[in-house]
Amino acid sequence: ADNTDLSLGADQAFSISAWVYLDSLDSTGNTIIAKTDDTLTTALASEF
């Protein structure tokens, strides 16, 4: 859940790192990490 430790500023420098291993290349994509919501009409409205 969203909390102050995970909050970004208005123009925040940040990075995300991960090792990923794909079992398959699926037809609707594979999310590694996202801060998003099912009320959004486009993924570009996501925080990341």
ModelCIF file with pLDDT and N, C-alpha, C, O atoms, coordinates in Angstrom:
data_MODEL
#
_entry.id   MODEL 
#
_entity.id                         1 
_entity.type                       polymer 
_entity.pdbx_number_of_molecules   1 
#
_entity_poly.entity_id                      1 
_entity_poly.type                           'polypeptide(L)' 
_entity_poly.nstd_linkage                   no 
_entity_poly.nstd_monomer                   no 
_entity_poly.pdbx_seq_one_letter_code       ADNTDLSLGADQAFSISAWVYLDSLDSTGNTIIAKTDDTLTTALASEF 
_entity_poly.pdbx_seq_one_letter_code_can   ADNTDLSLGADQAFSISAWVYLDSLDSTGNTIIAKTDDTLTTALASEF 
_entity_poly.pdbx_strand_id                 A 
#
loop_
_entity_poly_seq.entity_id 
_entity_poly_seq.num 
_entity_poly_seq.mon_id 
_entity_poly_seq.hetero 
1 1  ALA n 
1 2  ASP n 
1 3  ASN n 
1 4  THR n 
1 5  ASP n 
1 6  LEU n 
1 7  SER n 
1 8  LEU n 
1 9  GLY n 
1 10 ALA n 
1 11 ASP n 
1 12 GLN n 
1 13 ALA n 
1 14 PHE n 
1 15 SER n 
1 16 ILE n 
1 17 SER n 
1 18 ALA n 
1 19 TRP n 
1 20 VAL n 
1 21 TYR n 
1 22 LEU n 
1 23 ASP n 
1 24 SER n 
1 25 LEU n 
1 26 ASP n 
1 27 SER n 
1 28 THR n 
1 29 GLY n 
1 30 ASN n 
1 31 THR n 
1 32 ILE n 
1 33 ILE n 
1 34 ALA n 
1 35 LYS n 
1 36 THR n 
1 37 ASP n 
1 38 ASP n 
1 39 THR n 
1 40 LEU n 
1 41 THR n 
1 42 THR n 
1 43 ALA n 
1 44 LEU n 
1 45 ALA n 
1 46 SER n 
1 47 GLU n 
1 48 PHE n 
#
_struct_asym.id          A 
_struct_asym.entity_id   1 
#
loop_
_ma_qa_metric.id 
_ma_qa_metric.mode 
_ma_qa_metric.name 
_ma_qa_metric.software_group_id 
_ma_qa_metric.type 
1 global pLDDT . pLDDT 
2 local  pLDDT . pLDDT 
#
_ma_qa_metric_global.metric_id      1 
_ma_qa_metric_global.metric_value   84.29 
_ma_qa_metric_global.model_id       1 
_ma_qa_metric_global.ordinal_id     1 
#
loop_
_ma_qa_metric_local.label_asym_id 
_ma_qa_metric_local.label_comp_id 
_ma_qa_metric_local.label_seq_id 
_ma_qa_metric_local.metric_id 
_ma_qa_metric_local.metric_value 
_ma_qa_metric_local.model_id 
_ma_qa_metric_local.ordinal_id 
A ALA 1  2 81.00 1 1  
A ASP 2  2 84.00 1 2  
A ASN 3  2 79.00 1 3  
A THR 4  2 79.00 1 4  
A ASP 5  2 74.00 1 5  
A LEU 6  2 78.00 1 6  
A SER 7  2 81.00 1 7  
A LEU 8  2 85.00 1 8  
A GLY 9  2 85.00 1 9  
A ALA 10 2 89.00 1 10 
A ASP 11 2 91.00 1 11 
A GLN 12 2 89.00 1 12 
A ALA 13 2 89.00 1 13 
A PHE 14 2 86.00 1 14 
A SER 15 2 87.00 1 15 
A ILE 16 2 87.00 1 16 
A SER 17 2 85.00 1 17 
A ALA 18 2 86.00 1 18 
A TRP 19 2 88.00 1 19 
A VAL 20 2 91.00 1 20 
A TYR 21 2 93.00 1 21 
A LEU 22 2 94.00 1 22 
A ASP 23 2 93.00 1 23 
A SER 24 2 92.00 1 24 
A LEU 25 2 90.00 1 25 
A ASP 26 2 82.00 1 26 
A SER 27 2 77.00 1 27 
A THR 28 2 76.00 1 28 
A GLY 29 2 79.00 1 29 
A ASN 30 2 89.00 1 30 
A THR 31 2 90.00 1 31 
A ILE 32 2 91.00 1 32 
A ILE 33 2 89.00 1 33 
A ALA 34 2 89.00 1 34 
A LYS 35 2 90.00 1 35 
A THR 36 2 85.00 1 36 
A ASP 37 2 82.00 1 37 
A ASP 38 2 77.00 1 38 
A THR 39 2 77.00 1 39 
A LEU 40 2 77.00 1 40 
A THR 41 2 73.00 1 41 
A THR 42 2 72.00 1 42 
A ALA 43 2 65.00 1 43 
A LEU 44 2 77.00 1 44 
A ALA 45 2 82.00 1 45 
A SER 46 2 87.00 1 46 
A GLU 47 2 92.00 1 47 
A PHE 48 2 92.00 1 48 
#
loop_
_atom_site.group_PDB 
_atom_site.id 
_atom_site.type_symbol 
_atom_site.label_atom_id 
_atom_site.label_alt_id 
_atom_site.label_comp_id 
_atom_site.label_asym_id 
_atom_site.label_entity_id 
_atom_site.label_seq_id 
_atom_site.pdbx_PDB_ins_code 
_atom_site.Cartn_x 
_atom_site.Cartn_y 
_atom_site.Cartn_z 
_atom_site.occupancy 
_atom_site.B_iso_or_equiv 
_atom_site.pdbx_formal_charge 
_atom_site.auth_seq_id 
_atom_site.auth_comp_id 
_atom_site.auth_asym_id 
_atom_site.auth_atom_id 
_atom_site.pdbx_PDB_model_num 
ATOM 1   N N  . ALA A 1 1  ? 0.835  -1.198  0.000   1.00 81.00 ? 1  ALA A N  1 
ATOM 2   C CA . ALA A 1 1  ? 0.000  0.000   0.000   1.00 81.00 ? 1  ALA A CA 1 
ATOM 3   C C  . ALA A 1 1  ? 0.873  1.254   0.000   1.00 81.00 ? 1  ALA A C  1 
ATOM 4   O O  . ALA A 1 1  ? 1.976  1.260   0.548   1.00 81.00 ? 1  ALA A O  1 
ATOM 5   N N  . ASP A 1 2  ? 0.366  2.301   -0.617  1.00 84.00 ? 2  ASP A N  1 
ATOM 6   C CA . ASP A 1 2  ? 1.097  3.563   -0.651  1.00 84.00 ? 2  ASP A CA 1 
ATOM 7   C C  . ASP A 1 2  ? 1.383  4.048   0.771   1.00 84.00 ? 2  ASP A C  1 
ATOM 8   O O  . ASP A 1 2  ? 0.546  3.922   1.665   1.00 84.00 ? 2  ASP A O  1 
ATOM 9   N N  . ASN A 1 3  ? 2.569  4.600   0.961   1.00 79.00 ? 3  ASN A N  1 
ATOM 10  C CA . ASN A 1 3  ? 2.948  5.164   2.259   1.00 79.00 ? 3  ASN A CA 1 
ATOM 11  C C  . ASN A 1 3  ? 4.025  6.212   2.016   1.00 79.00 ? 3  ASN A C  1 
ATOM 12  O O  . ASN A 1 3  ? 4.535  6.328   0.901   1.00 79.00 ? 3  ASN A O  1 
ATOM 13  N N  . THR A 1 4  ? 4.371  6.961   3.028   1.00 79.00 ? 4  THR A N  1 
ATOM 14  C CA . THR A 1 4  ? 5.298  8.083   2.852   1.00 79.00 ? 4  THR A CA 1 
ATOM 15  C C  . THR A 1 4  ? 6.680  7.619   2.403   1.00 79.00 ? 4  THR A C  1 
ATOM 16  O O  . THR A 1 4  ? 7.375  8.347   1.694   1.00 79.00 ? 4  THR A O  1 
ATOM 17  N N  . ASP A 1 5  ? 7.086  6.420   2.807   1.00 74.00 ? 5  ASP A N  1 
ATOM 18  C CA . ASP A 1 5  ? 8.399  5.921   2.405   1.00 74.00 ? 5  ASP A CA 1 
ATOM 19  C C  . ASP A 1 5  ? 8.480  5.655   0.906   1.00 74.00 ? 5  ASP A C  1 
ATOM 20  O O  . ASP A 1 5  ? 9.570  5.654   0.335   1.00 74.00 ? 5  ASP A O  1 
ATOM 21  N N  . LEU A 1 6  ? 7.341  5.431   0.268   1.00 78.00 ? 6  LEU A N  1 
ATOM 22  C CA . LEU A 1 6  ? 7.302  5.127   -1.158  1.00 78.00 ? 6  LEU A CA 1 
ATOM 23  C C  . LEU A 1 6  ? 6.858  6.319   -2.000  1.00 78.00 ? 6  LEU A C  1 
ATOM 24  O O  . LEU A 1 6  ? 6.592  6.174   -3.193  1.00 78.00 ? 6  LEU A O  1 
ATOM 25  N N  . SER A 1 7  ? 6.777  7.480   -1.389  1.00 81.00 ? 7  SER A N  1 
ATOM 26  C CA . SER A 1 7  ? 6.284  8.664   -2.089  1.00 81.00 ? 7  SER A CA 1 
ATOM 27  C C  . SER A 1 7  ? 7.414  9.393   -2.806  1.00 81.00 ? 7  SER A C  1 
ATOM 28  O O  . SER A 1 7  ? 8.515  9.532   -2.274  1.00 81.00 ? 7  SER A O  1 
ATOM 29  N N  . LEU A 1 8  ? 7.128  9.855   -4.017  1.00 85.00 ? 8  LEU A N  1 
ATOM 30  C CA . LEU A 1 8  ? 8.078  10.648  -4.793  1.00 85.00 ? 8  LEU A CA 1 
ATOM 31  C C  . LEU A 1 8  ? 7.697  12.116  -4.727  1.00 85.00 ? 8  LEU A C  1 
ATOM 32  O O  . LEU A 1 8  ? 6.537  12.453  -4.494  1.00 85.00 ? 8  LEU A O  1 
ATOM 33  N N  . GLY A 1 9  ? 8.673  12.986  -4.933  1.00 85.00 ? 9  GLY A N  1 
ATOM 34  C CA . GLY A 1 9  ? 8.402  14.411  -5.036  1.00 85.00 ? 9  GLY A CA 1 
ATOM 35  C C  . GLY A 1 9  ? 7.913  14.764  -6.429  1.00 85.00 ? 9  GLY A C  1 
ATOM 36  O O  . GLY A 1 9  ? 7.678  13.883  -7.257  1.00 85.00 ? 9  GLY A O  1 
ATOM 37  N N  . ALA A 1 10 ? 7.760  16.057  -6.683  1.00 89.00 ? 10 ALA A N  1 
ATOM 38  C CA . ALA A 1 10 ? 7.238  16.508  -7.966  1.00 89.00 ? 10 ALA A CA 1 
ATOM 39  C C  . ALA A 1 10 ? 8.219  16.298  -9.107  1.00 89.00 ? 10 ALA A C  1 
ATOM 40  O O  . ALA A 1 10 ? 7.805  16.190  -10.261 1.00 89.00 ? 10 ALA A O  1 
ATOM 41  N N  . ASP A 1 11 ? 9.507  16.238  -8.808  1.00 91.00 ? 11 ASP A N  1 
ATOM 42  C CA . ASP A 1 11 ? 10.514 16.000  -9.845  1.00 91.00 ? 11 ASP A CA 1 
ATOM 43  C C  . ASP A 1 11 ? 11.658 15.219  -9.197  1.00 91.00 ? 11 ASP A C  1 
ATOM 44  O O  . ASP A 1 11 ? 12.783 15.705  -9.078  1.00 91.00 ? 11 ASP A O  1 
ATOM 45  N N  . GLN A 1 12 ? 11.332 13.990  -8.782  1.00 89.00 ? 12 GLN A N  1 
ATOM 46  C CA . GLN A 1 12 ? 12.209 13.190  -7.924  1.00 89.00 ? 12 GLN A CA 1 
ATOM 47  C C  . GLN A 1 12 ? 13.167 12.322  -8.737  1.00 89.00 ? 12 GLN A C  1 
ATOM 48  O O  . GLN A 1 12 ? 12.760 11.650  -9.684  1.00 89.00 ? 12 GLN A O  1 
ATOM 49  N N  . ALA A 1 13 ? 14.441 12.346  -8.355  1.00 89.00 ? 13 ALA A N  1 
ATOM 50  C CA . ALA A 1 13 ? 15.402 11.387  -8.888  1.00 89.00 ? 13 ALA A CA 1 
ATOM 51  C C  . ALA A 1 13 ? 15.236 10.070  -8.151  1.00 89.00 ? 13 ALA A C  1 
ATOM 52  O O  . ALA A 1 13 ? 15.216 10.043  -6.921  1.00 89.00 ? 13 ALA A O  1 
ATOM 53  N N  . PHE A 1 14 ? 15.117 8.973   -8.897  1.00 86.00 ? 14 PHE A N  1 
ATOM 54  C CA . PHE A 1 14 ? 15.017 7.664   -8.261  1.00 86.00 ? 14 PHE A CA 1 
ATOM 55  C C  . PHE A 1 14 ? 15.408 6.579   -9.256  1.00 86.00 ? 14 PHE A C  1 
ATOM 56  O O  . PHE A 1 14 ? 15.490 6.817   -10.461 1.00 86.00 ? 14 PHE A O  1 
ATOM 57  N N  . SER A 1 15 ? 15.646 5.386   -8.727  1.00 87.00 ? 15 SER A N  1 
ATOM 58  C CA . SER A 1 15 ? 15.955 4.248   -9.585  1.00 87.00 ? 15 SER A CA 1 
ATOM 59  C C  . SER A 1 15 ? 15.324 2.987   -9.025  1.00 87.00 ? 15 SER A C  1 
ATOM 60  O O  . SER A 1 15 ? 15.084 2.878   -7.822  1.00 87.00 ? 15 SER A O  1 
ATOM 61  N N  . ILE A 1 16 ? 15.061 2.044   -9.902  1.00 87.00 ? 16 ILE A N  1 
ATOM 62  C CA . ILE A 1 16 ? 14.525 0.736   -9.541  1.00 87.00 ? 16 ILE A CA 1 
ATOM 63  C C  . ILE A 1 16 ? 15.414 -0.310  -10.186 1.00 87.00 ? 16 ILE A C  1 
ATOM 64  O O  . ILE A 1 16 ? 15.729 -0.200  -11.371 1.00 87.00 ? 16 ILE A O  1 
ATOM 65  N N  . SER A 1 17 ? 15.827 -1.323  -9.434  1.00 85.00 ? 17 SER A N  1 
ATOM 66  C CA . SER A 1 17 ? 16.647 -2.375  -10.031 1.00 85.00 ? 17 SER A CA 1 
ATOM 67  C C  . SER A 1 17 ? 16.073 -3.744  -9.706  1.00 85.00 ? 17 SER A C  1 
ATOM 68  O O  . SER A 1 17 ? 15.470 -3.936  -8.651  1.00 85.00 ? 17 SER A O  1 
ATOM 69  N N  . ALA A 1 18 ? 16.261 -4.688  -10.609 1.00 86.00 ? 18 ALA A N  1 
ATOM 70  C CA . ALA A 1 18 ? 15.768 -6.044  -10.408 1.00 86.00 ? 18 ALA A CA 1 
ATOM 71  C C  . ALA A 1 18 ? 16.444 -6.997  -11.378 1.00 86.00 ? 18 ALA A C  1 
ATOM 72  O O  . ALA A 1 18 ? 16.835 -6.614  -12.481 1.00 86.00 ? 18 ALA A O  1 
ATOM 73  N N  . TRP A 1 19 ? 16.573 -8.241  -10.949 1.00 88.00 ? 19 TRP A N  1 
ATOM 74  C CA . TRP A 1 19 ? 16.886 -9.341  -11.859 1.00 88.00 ? 19 TRP A CA 1 
ATOM 75  C C  . TRP A 1 19 ? 15.570 -9.970  -12.284 1.00 88.00 ? 19 TRP A C  1 
ATOM 76  O O  . TRP A 1 19 ? 14.709 -10.227 -11.442 1.00 88.00 ? 19 TRP A O  1 
ATOM 77  N N  . VAL A 1 20 ? 15.402 -10.220 -13.570 1.00 91.00 ? 20 VAL A N  1 
ATOM 78  C CA . VAL A 1 20 ? 14.158 -10.808 -14.065 1.00 91.00 ? 20 VAL A CA 1 
ATOM 79  C C  . VAL A 1 20 ? 14.472 -11.993 -14.970 1.00 91.00 ? 20 VAL A C  1 
ATOM 80  O O  . VAL A 1 20 ? 15.492 -12.025 -15.658 1.00 91.00 ? 20 VAL A O  1 
ATOM 81  N N  . TYR A 1 21 ? 13.573 -12.956 -14.948 1.00 93.00 ? 21 TYR A N  1 
ATOM 82  C CA . TYR A 1 21 ? 13.720 -14.206 -15.699 1.00 93.00 ? 21 TYR A CA 1 
ATOM 83  C C  . TYR A 1 21 ? 12.342 -14.527 -16.264 1.00 93.00 ? 21 TYR A C  1 
ATOM 84  O O  . TYR A 1 21 ? 11.432 -14.884 -15.515 1.00 93.00 ? 21 TYR A O  1 
ATOM 85  N N  . LEU A 1 22 ? 12.183 -14.405 -17.563 1.00 94.00 ? 22 LEU A N  1 
ATOM 86  C CA . LEU A 1 22 ? 10.890 -14.600 -18.208 1.00 94.00 ? 22 LEU A CA 1 
ATOM 87  C C  . LEU A 1 22 ? 10.688 -16.064 -18.574 1.00 94.00 ? 22 LEU A C  1 
ATOM 88  O O  . LEU A 1 22 ? 11.501 -16.653 -19.286 1.00 94.00 ? 22 LEU A O  1 
ATOM 89  N N  . ASP A 1 23 ? 9.588  -16.653 -18.076 1.00 93.00 ? 23 ASP A N  1 
ATOM 90  C CA . ASP A 1 23 ? 9.233  -18.008 -18.497 1.00 93.00 ? 23 ASP A CA 1 
ATOM 91  C C  . ASP A 1 23 ? 8.582  -18.001 -19.876 1.00 93.00 ? 23 ASP A C  1 
ATOM 92  O O  . ASP A 1 23 ? 8.673  -18.977 -20.621 1.00 93.00 ? 23 ASP A O  1 
ATOM 93  N N  . SER A 1 24 ? 7.924  -16.890 -20.208 1.00 92.00 ? 24 SER A N  1 
ATOM 94  C CA . SER A 1 24 ? 7.270  -16.772 -21.506 1.00 92.00 ? 24 SER A CA 1 
ATOM 95  C C  . SER A 1 24 ? 7.124  -15.299 -21.852 1.00 92.00 ? 24 SER A C  1 
ATOM 96  O O  . SER A 1 24 ? 7.154  -14.440 -20.970 1.00 92.00 ? 24 SER A O  1 
ATOM 97  N N  . LEU A 1 25 ? 6.964  -15.008 -23.143 1.00 90.00 ? 25 LEU A N  1 
ATOM 98  C CA . LEU A 1 25 ? 6.727  -13.650 -23.630 1.00 90.00 ? 25 LEU A CA 1 
ATOM 99  C C  . LEU A 1 25 ? 5.239  -13.556 -23.954 1.00 90.00 ? 25 LEU A C  1 
ATOM 100 O O  . LEU A 1 25 ? 4.808  -13.895 -25.056 1.00 90.00 ? 25 LEU A O  1 
ATOM 101 N N  . ASP A 1 26 ? 4.462  -13.089 -22.974 1.00 82.00 ? 26 ASP A N  1 
ATOM 102 C CA . ASP A 1 26 ? 3.011  -13.209 -23.083 1.00 82.00 ? 26 ASP A CA 1 
ATOM 103 C C  . ASP A 1 26 ? 2.375  -12.090 -23.888 1.00 82.00 ? 26 ASP A C  1 
ATOM 104 O O  . ASP A 1 26 ? 2.952  -11.015 -24.055 1.00 82.00 ? 26 ASP A O  1 
ATOM 105 N N  . SER A 1 27 ? 1.185  -12.359 -24.378 1.00 77.00 ? 27 SER A N  1 
ATOM 106 C CA . SER A 1 27 ? 0.534  -11.489 -25.362 1.00 77.00 ? 27 SER A CA 1 
ATOM 107 C C  . SER A 1 27 ? 0.068  -10.160 -24.789 1.00 77.00 ? 27 SER A C  1 
ATOM 108 O O  . SER A 1 27 ? -0.194 -9.234  -25.556 1.00 77.00 ? 27 SER A O  1 
ATOM 109 N N  . THR A 1 28 ? -0.045 -10.029 -23.475 1.00 76.00 ? 28 THR A N  1 
ATOM 110 C CA . THR A 1 28 ? -0.414 -8.742  -22.884 1.00 76.00 ? 28 THR A CA 1 
ATOM 111 C C  . THR A 1 28 ? 0.696  -8.164  -22.027 1.00 76.00 ? 28 THR A C  1 
ATOM 112 O O  . THR A 1 28 ? 0.458  -7.245  -21.243 1.00 76.00 ? 28 THR A O  1 
ATOM 113 N N  . GLY A 1 29 ? 1.916  -8.693  -22.165 1.00 79.00 ? 29 GLY A N  1 
ATOM 114 C CA . GLY A 1 29 ? 3.038  -8.123  -21.443 1.00 79.00 ? 29 GLY A CA 1 
ATOM 115 C C  . GLY A 1 29 ? 3.231  -8.715  -20.065 1.00 79.00 ? 29 GLY A C  1 
ATOM 116 O O  . GLY A 1 29 ? 2.365  -9.421  -19.548 1.00 79.00 ? 29 GLY A O  1 
ATOM 117 N N  . ASN A 1 30 ? 4.383  -8.420  -19.472 1.00 89.00 ? 30 ASN A N  1 
ATOM 118 C CA . ASN A 1 30 ? 4.758  -8.931  -18.149 1.00 89.00 ? 30 ASN A CA 1 
ATOM 119 C C  . ASN A 1 30 ? 5.235  -7.779  -17.287 1.00 89.00 ? 30 ASN A C  1 
ATOM 120 O O  . ASN A 1 30 ? 6.312  -7.238  -17.534 1.00 89.00 ? 30 ASN A O  1 
ATOM 121 N N  . THR A 1 31 ? 4.460  -7.385  -16.278 1.00 90.00 ? 31 THR A N  1 
ATOM 122 C CA . THR A 1 31 ? 4.879  -6.313  -15.375 1.00 90.00 ? 31 THR A CA 1 
ATOM 123 C C  . THR A 1 31 ? 5.881  -6.831  -14.353 1.00 90.00 ? 31 THR A C  1 
ATOM 124 O O  . THR A 1 31 ? 5.669  -7.866  -13.721 1.00 90.00 ? 31 THR A O  1 
ATOM 125 N N  . ILE A 1 32 ? 6.967  -6.097  -14.202 1.00 91.00 ? 32 ILE A N  1 
ATOM 126 C CA . ILE A 1 32 ? 7.952  -6.386  -13.166 1.00 91.00 ? 32 ILE A CA 1 
ATOM 127 C C  . ILE A 1 32 ? 7.566  -5.645  -11.891 1.00 91.00 ? 32 ILE A C  1 
ATOM 128 O O  . ILE A 1 32 ? 7.423  -6.258  -10.833 1.00 91.00 ? 32 ILE A O  1 
ATOM 129 N N  . ILE A 1 33 ? 7.398  -4.337  -11.988 1.00 89.00 ? 33 ILE A N  1 
ATOM 130 C CA . ILE A 1 33 ? 6.931  -3.526  -10.866 1.00 89.00 ? 33 ILE A CA 1 
ATOM 131 C C  . ILE A 1 33 ? 6.160  -2.337  -11.420 1.00 89.00 ? 33 ILE A C  1 
ATOM 132 O O  . ILE A 1 33 ? 6.507  -1.799  -12.472 1.00 89.00 ? 33 ILE A O  1 
ATOM 133 N N  . ALA A 1 34 ? 5.117  -1.930  -10.714 1.00 89.00 ? 34 ALA A N  1 
ATOM 134 C CA . ALA A 1 34 ? 4.321  -0.782  -11.135 1.00 89.00 ? 34 ALA A CA 1 
ATOM 135 C C  . ALA A 1 34 ? 3.693  -0.125  -9.918  1.00 89.00 ? 34 ALA A C  1 
ATOM 136 O O  . ALA A 1 34 ? 3.382  -0.785  -8.927  1.00 89.00 ? 34 ALA A O  1 
ATOM 137 N N  . LYS A 1 35 ? 3.514  1.168   -10.008 1.00 90.00 ? 35 LYS A N  1 
ATOM 138 C CA . LYS A 1 35 ? 2.695  1.893   -9.038  1.00 90.00 ? 35 LYS A CA 1 
ATOM 139 C C  . LYS A 1 35 ? 1.559  2.480   -9.852  1.00 90.00 ? 35 LYS A C  1 
ATOM 140 O O  . LYS A 1 35 ? 1.703  3.516   -10.502 1.00 90.00 ? 35 LYS A O  1 
ATOM 141 N N  . THR A 1 36 ? 0.416  1.788   -9.804  1.00 85.00 ? 36 THR A N  1 
ATOM 142 C CA . THR A 1 36 ? -0.670 2.081   -10.719 1.00 85.00 ? 36 THR A CA 1 
ATOM 143 C C  . THR A 1 36 ? -1.998 1.726   -10.074 1.00 85.00 ? 36 THR A C  1 
ATOM 144 O O  . THR A 1 36 ? -2.038 1.356   -8.900  1.00 85.00 ? 36 THR A O  1 
ATOM 145 N N  . ASP A 1 37 ? -3.089 1.834   -10.831 1.00 82.00 ? 37 ASP A N  1 
ATOM 146 C CA . ASP A 1 37 ? -4.413 1.624   -10.271 1.00 82.00 ? 37 ASP A CA 1 
ATOM 147 C C  . ASP A 1 37 ? -5.369 1.210   -11.379 1.00 82.00 ? 37 ASP A C  1 
ATOM 148 O O  . ASP A 1 37 ? -5.208 1.625   -12.527 1.00 82.00 ? 37 ASP A O  1 
ATOM 149 N N  . ASP A 1 38 ? -6.370 0.388   -11.040 1.00 77.00 ? 38 ASP A N  1 
ATOM 150 C CA . ASP A 1 38 ? -7.282 -0.097  -12.076 1.00 77.00 ? 38 ASP A CA 1 
ATOM 151 C C  . ASP A 1 38 ? -8.322 0.943   -12.498 1.00 77.00 ? 38 ASP A C  1 
ATOM 152 O O  . ASP A 1 38 ? -9.181 0.649   -13.329 1.00 77.00 ? 38 ASP A O  1 
ATOM 153 N N  . THR A 1 39 ? -8.255 2.154   -11.936 1.00 77.00 ? 39 THR A N  1 
ATOM 154 C CA . THR A 1 39 ? -9.126 3.237   -12.410 1.00 77.00 ? 39 THR A CA 1 
ATOM 155 C C  . THR A 1 39 ? -8.498 3.994   -13.579 1.00 77.00 ? 39 THR A C  1 
ATOM 156 O O  . THR A 1 39 ? -9.160 4.820   -14.207 1.00 77.00 ? 39 THR A O  1 
ATOM 157 N N  . LEU A 1 40 ? -7.239 3.723   -13.873 1.00 77.00 ? 40 LEU A N  1 
ATOM 158 C CA . LEU A 1 40 ? -6.529 4.458   -14.910 1.00 77.00 ? 40 LEU A CA 1 
ATOM 159 C C  . LEU A 1 40 ? -6.894 3.920   -16.284 1.00 77.00 ? 40 LEU A C  1 
ATOM 160 O O  . LEU A 1 40 ? -7.053 2.712   -16.464 1.00 77.00 ? 40 LEU A O  1 
ATOM 161 N N  . THR A 1 41 ? -7.028 4.824   -17.253 1.00 73.00 ? 41 THR A N  1 
ATOM 162 C CA . THR A 1 41 ? -7.375 4.408   -18.609 1.00 73.00 ? 41 THR A CA 1 
ATOM 163 C C  . THR A 1 41 ? -6.149 4.175   -19.477 1.00 73.00 ? 41 THR A C  1 
ATOM 164 O O  . THR A 1 41 ? -6.264 3.630   -20.574 1.00 73.00 ? 41 THR A O  1 
ATOM 165 N N  . THR A 1 42 ? -4.982 4.579   -19.004 1.00 72.00 ? 42 THR A N  1 
ATOM 166 C CA . THR A 1 42 ? -3.745 4.363   -19.741 1.00 72.00 ? 42 THR A CA 1 
ATOM 167 C C  . THR A 1 42 ? -2.607 4.129   -18.774 1.00 72.00 ? 42 THR A C  1 
ATOM 168 O O  . THR A 1 42 ? -2.572 4.712   -17.690 1.00 72.00 ? 42 THR A O  1 
ATOM 169 N N  . ALA A 1 43 ? -1.672 3.274   -19.166 1.00 65.00 ? 43 ALA A N  1 
ATOM 170 C CA . ALA A 1 43 ? -0.530 2.991   -18.298 1.00 65.00 ? 43 ALA A CA 1 
ATOM 171 C C  . ALA A 1 43 ? 0.327  4.226   -18.080 1.00 65.00 ? 43 ALA A C  1 
ATOM 172 O O  . ALA A 1 43 ? 1.042  4.306   -17.081 1.00 65.00 ? 43 ALA A O  1 
ATOM 173 N N  . LEU A 1 44 ? 0.273  5.201   -19.000 1.00 77.00 ? 44 LEU A N  1 
ATOM 174 C CA . LEU A 1 44 ? 1.089  6.404   -18.850 1.00 77.00 ? 44 LEU A CA 1 
ATOM 175 C C  . LEU A 1 44 ? 0.624  7.297   -17.709 1.00 77.00 ? 44 LEU A C  1 
ATOM 176 O O  . LEU A 1 44 ? 1.340  8.217   -17.312 1.00 77.00 ? 44 LEU A O  1 
ATOM 177 N N  . ALA A 1 45 ? -0.567 7.038   -17.177 1.00 82.00 ? 45 ALA A N  1 
ATOM 178 C CA . ALA A 1 45 ? -1.018 7.774   -16.001 1.00 82.00 ? 45 ALA A CA 1 
ATOM 179 C C  . ALA A 1 45 ? -0.465 7.172   -14.713 1.00 82.00 ? 45 ALA A C  1 
ATOM 180 O O  . ALA A 1 45 ? -0.613 7.757   -13.640 1.00 82.00 ? 45 ALA A O  1 
ATOM 181 N N  . SER A 1 46 ? 0.170  6.007   -14.813 1.00 87.00 ? 46 SER A N  1 
ATOM 182 C CA . SER A 1 46 ? 0.788  5.375   -13.652 1.00 87.00 ? 46 SER A CA 1 
ATOM 183 C C  . SER A 1 46 ? 1.917  6.242   -13.111 1.00 87.00 ? 46 SER A C  1 
ATOM 184 O O  . SER A 1 46 ? 2.483  7.067   -13.829 1.00 87.00 ? 46 SER A O  1 
ATOM 185 N N  . GLU A 1 47 ? 2.236  6.045   -11.841 1.00 92.00 ? 47 GLU A N  1 
ATOM 186 C CA . GLU A 1 47 ? 3.407  6.747   -11.292 1.00 92.00 ? 47 GLU A CA 1 
ATOM 187 C C  . GLU A 1 47 ? 4.680  6.209   -11.941 1.00 92.00 ? 47 GLU A C  1 
ATOM 188 O O  . GLU A 1 47 ? 5.549  6.980   -12.347 1.00 92.00 ? 47 GLU A O  1 
ATOM 189 N N  . PHE A 1 48 ? 4.785  4.877   -12.037 1.00 92.00 ? 48 PHE A N  1 
ATOM 190 C CA . PHE A 1 48 ? 5.860  4.259   -12.813 1.00 92.00 ? 48 PHE A CA 1 
ATOM 191 C C  . PHE A 1 48 ? 5.443  2.835   -13.163 1.00 92.00 ? 48 PHE A C  1 
ATOM 192 O O  . PHE A 1 48 ? 6.196  2.115   -13.819 1.00 92.00 ? 48 PHE A O  1 
#
